[in-house]
PDB file of N, CA and C in Angstrom:
ATOM      1  N   MET A   1      -6.919  -2.797  -2.686  1.00  0.00           N
ATOM      2  CA  MET A   1      -6.610  -2.538  -4.220  1.00  0.00           C
ATOM      3  C   MET A   1      -5.222  -2.862  -4.553  1.00  0.00           C
ATOM      4  N   SER A   2      -4.925  -3.420  -5.606  1.00  0.00           N
ATOM      5  CA  SER A   2      -3.450  -3.219  -6.036  1.00  0.00           C
ATOM      6  C   SER A   2      -3.473  -2.735  -7.509  1.00  0.00           C
ATOM      7  N   TYR A   3      -2.438  -2.056  -7.817  1.00  0.00           N
ATOM      8  CA  TYR A   3      -2.279  -1.518  -9.033  1.00  0.00           C
ATOM      9  C   TYR A   3      -0.831  -1.480  -9.592  1.00  0.00           C
ATOM     10  N   PRO A   4      -0.575  -2.825 -10.138  1.00  0.00           N
ATOM     11  CA  PRO A   4       0.717  -3.065 -10.578  1.00  0.00           C
ATOM     12  C   PRO A   4       1.213  -1.982 -11.678  1.00  0.00           C
ATOM     13  N   VAL A   5       2.432  -1.485 -11.521  1.00  0.00           N
ATOM     14  CA  VAL A   5       2.969  -0.596 -12.579  1.00  0.00           C
ATOM     15  C   VAL A   5       4.468  -0.962 -13.044  1.00  0.00           C
ATOM     16  N   GLN A   6       4.911  -0.479 -13.929  1.00  0.00           N
ATOM     17  CA  GLN A   6       6.266  -0.904 -14.334  1.00  0.00           C
ATOM     18  C   GLN A   6       7.059   0.408 -14.359  1.00  0.00           C
ATOM     19  N   VAL A   7       8.212   0.536 -13.473  1.00  0.00           N
ATOM     20  CA  VAL A   7       8.873   1.893 -13.601  1.00  0.00           C
ATOM     21  C   VAL A   7      10.240   1.562 -14.287  1.00  0.00           C
ATOM     22  N   THR A   8      10.176   2.284 -15.188  1.00  0.00           N
ATOM     23  CA  THR A   8      11.509   2.121 -16.193  1.00  0.00           C
ATOM     24  C   THR A   8      12.651   3.384 -16.039  1.00  0.00           C
ATOM     25  N   ASP A   9      12.308   4.341 -15.429  1.00  0.00           N
ATOM     26  CA  ASP A   9      13.325   5.262 -15.121  1.00  0.00           C
ATOM     27  C   ASP A   9      13.987   5.371 -13.638  1.00  0.00           C
ATOM     28  N   GLY A  10      13.453   4.446 -12.831  1.00  0.00           N
ATOM     29  CA  GLY A  10      13.911   4.471 -11.381  1.00  0.00           C
ATOM     30  C   GLY A  10      13.071   5.322 -10.563  1.00  0.00           C
ATOM     31  N   VAL A  11      12.060   6.093 -11.085  1.00  0.00           N
ATOM     32  CA  VAL A  11      11.344   7.020 -10.126  1.00  0.00           C
ATOM     33  C   VAL A  11       9.616   6.517 -10.144  1.00  0.00           C
ATOM     34  N   LEU A  12       9.148   6.438  -9.374  1.00  0.00           N
ATOM     35  CA  LEU A  12       7.704   6.283  -9.122  1.00  0.00           C
ATOM     36  C   LEU A  12       6.890   7.597  -8.758  1.00  0.00           C
ATOM     37  N   ASN A  13       6.208   8.037  -9.687  1.00  0.00           N
ATOM     38  CA  ASN A  13       5.425   9.367  -9.468  1.00  0.00           C
ATOM     39  C   ASN A  13       4.071   8.950  -9.087  1.00  0.00           C
ATOM     40  N   VAL A  14       3.511   9.488  -7.875  1.00  0.00           N
ATOM     41  CA  VAL A  14       2.250   9.043  -7.472  1.00  0.00           C
ATOM     42  C   VAL A  14       1.322  10.561  -7.343  1.00  0.00           C
ATOM     43  N   ARG A  15       0.316  10.510  -8.127  1.00  0.00           N
ATOM     44  CA  ARG A  15      -0.440  11.908  -8.264  1.00  0.00           C
ATOM     45  C   ARG A  15      -1.843  11.638  -7.503  1.00  0.00           C
ATOM     46  N   PHE A  16      -2.500  12.385  -6.727  1.00  0.00           N
ATOM     47  CA  PHE A  16      -3.629  12.321  -6.254  1.00  0.00           C
ATOM     48  C   PHE A  16      -4.617  13.603  -6.769  1.00  0.00           C
ATOM     49  N   VAL A  17      -5.576  13.129  -7.356  1.00  0.00           N
ATOM     50  CA  VAL A  17      -6.624  14.148  -7.926  1.00  0.00           C
ATOM     51  C   VAL A  17      -7.851  14.152  -7.097  1.00  0.00           C
ATOM     52  N   THR A  18      -8.219  15.609  -6.963  1.00  0.00           N
ATOM     53  CA  THR A  18      -9.478  15.740  -6.378  1.00  0.00           C
ATOM     54  C   THR A  18     -10.673  15.883  -7.395  1.00  0.00           C
ATOM     55  N   HIS A  19     -11.708  15.293  -6.973  1.00  0.00           N
ATOM     56  CA  HIS A  19     -12.823  15.287  -7.933  1.00  0.00           C
ATOM     57  C   HIS A  19     -13.955  16.184  -7.294  1.00  0.00           C
ATOM     58  N   THR A  20     -14.848  16.893  -8.179  1.00  0.00           N
ATOM     59  CA  THR A  20     -15.827  17.741  -7.593  1.00  0.00           C
ATOM     60  C   THR A  20     -16.913  16.928  -6.751  1.00  0.00           C
ATOM     61  N   GLY A  21     -17.163  17.505  -5.728  1.00  0.00           N
ATOM     62  CA  GLY A  21     -18.186  16.755  -4.787  1.00  0.00           C
ATOM     63  C   GLY A  21     -17.460  15.910  -3.685  1.00  0.00           C
ATOM     64  N   PHE A  22     -16.172  15.739  -3.750  1.00  0.00           N
ATOM     65  CA  PHE A  22     -15.551  14.919  -2.901  1.00  0.00           C
ATOM     66  C   PHE A  22     -14.366  15.795  -2.105  1.00  0.00           C
ATOM     67  N   GLY A  23     -14.008  15.433  -1.072  1.00  0.00           N
ATOM     68  CA  GLY A  23     -13.079  16.114  -0.104  1.00  0.00           C
ATOM     69  C   GLY A  23     -11.589  15.872  -0.936  1.00  0.00           C
ATOM     70  N   LYS A  24     -10.627  16.407  -0.186  1.00  0.00           N
ATOM     71  CA  LYS A  24      -9.144  16.127  -0.603  1.00  0.00           C
ATOM     72  C   LYS A  24      -8.872  14.661  -0.328  1.00  0.00           C
ATOM     73  N   PRO A  25      -8.069  13.965  -1.289  1.00  0.00           N
ATOM     74  CA  PRO A  25      -7.653  12.699  -1.129  1.00  0.00           C
ATOM     75  C   PRO A  25      -6.949  12.134   0.258  1.00  0.00           C
ATOM     76  N   ILE A  26      -7.369  11.246   0.796  1.00  0.00           N
ATOM     77  CA  ILE A  26      -6.691  10.924   2.126  1.00  0.00           C
ATOM     78  C   ILE A  26      -6.016   9.625   1.793  1.00  0.00           C
ATOM     79  N   VAL A  27      -4.788   9.365   2.341  1.00  0.00           N
ATOM     80  CA  VAL A  27      -4.112   8.067   1.985  1.00  0.00           C
ATOM     81  C   VAL A  27      -3.710   7.621   3.475  1.00  0.00           C
ATOM     82  N   ASN A  28      -4.122   6.248   3.715  1.00  0.00           N
ATOM     83  CA  ASN A  28      -3.969   5.412   4.868  1.00  0.00           C
ATOM     84  C   ASN A  28      -2.583   4.849   4.679  1.00  0.00           C
ATOM     85  N   ALA A  29      -2.408   4.333   3.748  1.00  0.00           N
ATOM     86  CA  ALA A  29      -1.132   3.510   3.499  1.00  0.00           C
ATOM     87  C   ALA A  29      -0.819   3.507   2.098  1.00  0.00           C
ATOM     88  N   LEU A  30       0.431   3.365   1.665  1.00  0.00           N
ATOM     89  CA  LEU A  30       1.011   3.080   0.522  1.00  0.00           C
ATOM     90  C   LEU A  30       2.108   2.135   0.597  1.00  0.00           C
ATOM     91  N   ARG A  31       2.125   0.984   0.020  1.00  0.00           N
ATOM     92  CA  ARG A  31       3.240  -0.134  -0.054  1.00  0.00           C
ATOM     93  C   ARG A  31       3.804  -0.116  -1.455  1.00  0.00           C
ATOM     94  N   VAL A  32       5.068  -0.184  -1.561  1.00  0.00           N
ATOM     95  CA  VAL A  32       5.739  -0.339  -2.902  1.00  0.00           C
ATOM     96  C   VAL A  32       6.571  -1.381  -2.617  1.00  0.00           C
ATOM     97  N   THR A  33       6.469  -2.509  -3.615  1.00  0.00           N
ATOM     98  CA  THR A  33       7.406  -3.610  -3.597  1.00  0.00           C
ATOM     99  C   THR A  33       7.808  -3.971  -4.775  1.00  0.00           C
ATOM    100  N   ASN A  34       8.906  -4.649  -4.855  1.00  0.00           N
ATOM    101  CA  ASN A  34       9.701  -5.263  -6.047  1.00  0.00           C
ATOM    102  C   ASN A  34       9.118  -6.446  -6.416  1.00  0.00           C
ATOM    103  N   ARG A  35       8.561  -6.605  -7.430  1.00  0.00           N
ATOM    104  CA  ARG A  35       7.763  -7.964  -7.998  1.00  0.00           C
ATOM    105  C   ARG A  35       8.339  -8.345  -9.216  1.00  0.00           C
ATOM    106  N   PRO A  36       9.605  -9.006  -9.147  1.00  0.00           N
ATOM    107  CA  PRO A  36      10.160  -9.494 -10.536  1.00  0.00           C
ATOM    108  C   PRO A  36       9.340 -10.654 -11.186  1.00  0.00           C
ATOM    109  N   ASP A  37       8.646 -11.145 -10.342  1.00  0.00           N
ATOM    110  CA  ASP A  37       7.714 -12.179 -11.109  1.00  0.00           C
ATOM    111  C   ASP A  37       6.630 -11.774 -11.898  1.00  0.00           C
ATOM    112  N   LEU A  38       6.363 -10.399 -11.784  1.00  0.00           N
ATOM    113  CA  LEU A  38       5.361  -9.746 -12.547  1.00  0.00           C
ATOM    114  C   LEU A  38       5.983  -8.891 -13.813  1.00  0.00           C
ATOM    115  N   VAL A  39       7.387  -9.097 -13.953  1.00  0.00           N
ATOM    116  CA  VAL A  39       7.693  -8.297 -15.270  1.00  0.00           C
ATOM    117  C   VAL A  39       7.449  -8.967 -16.483  1.00  0.00           C
ATOM    118  N   SER A  40       6.938  -8.373 -17.453  1.00  0.00           N
ATOM    119  CA  SER A  40       6.554  -8.713 -18.753  1.00  0.00           C
ATOM    120  C   SER A  40       7.632  -8.892 -19.673  1.00  0.00           C
TER     121      SER A  40
END
């Protein structure tokens, strides 16, 4: 899955939220890249 986001203040905040009926979130990998070709 990819989630393109635009960071305007130099800080990328990532929050993981639990949902009723599921366990705690597990992250196997997180990749952050600069994609100047996606700038709107």
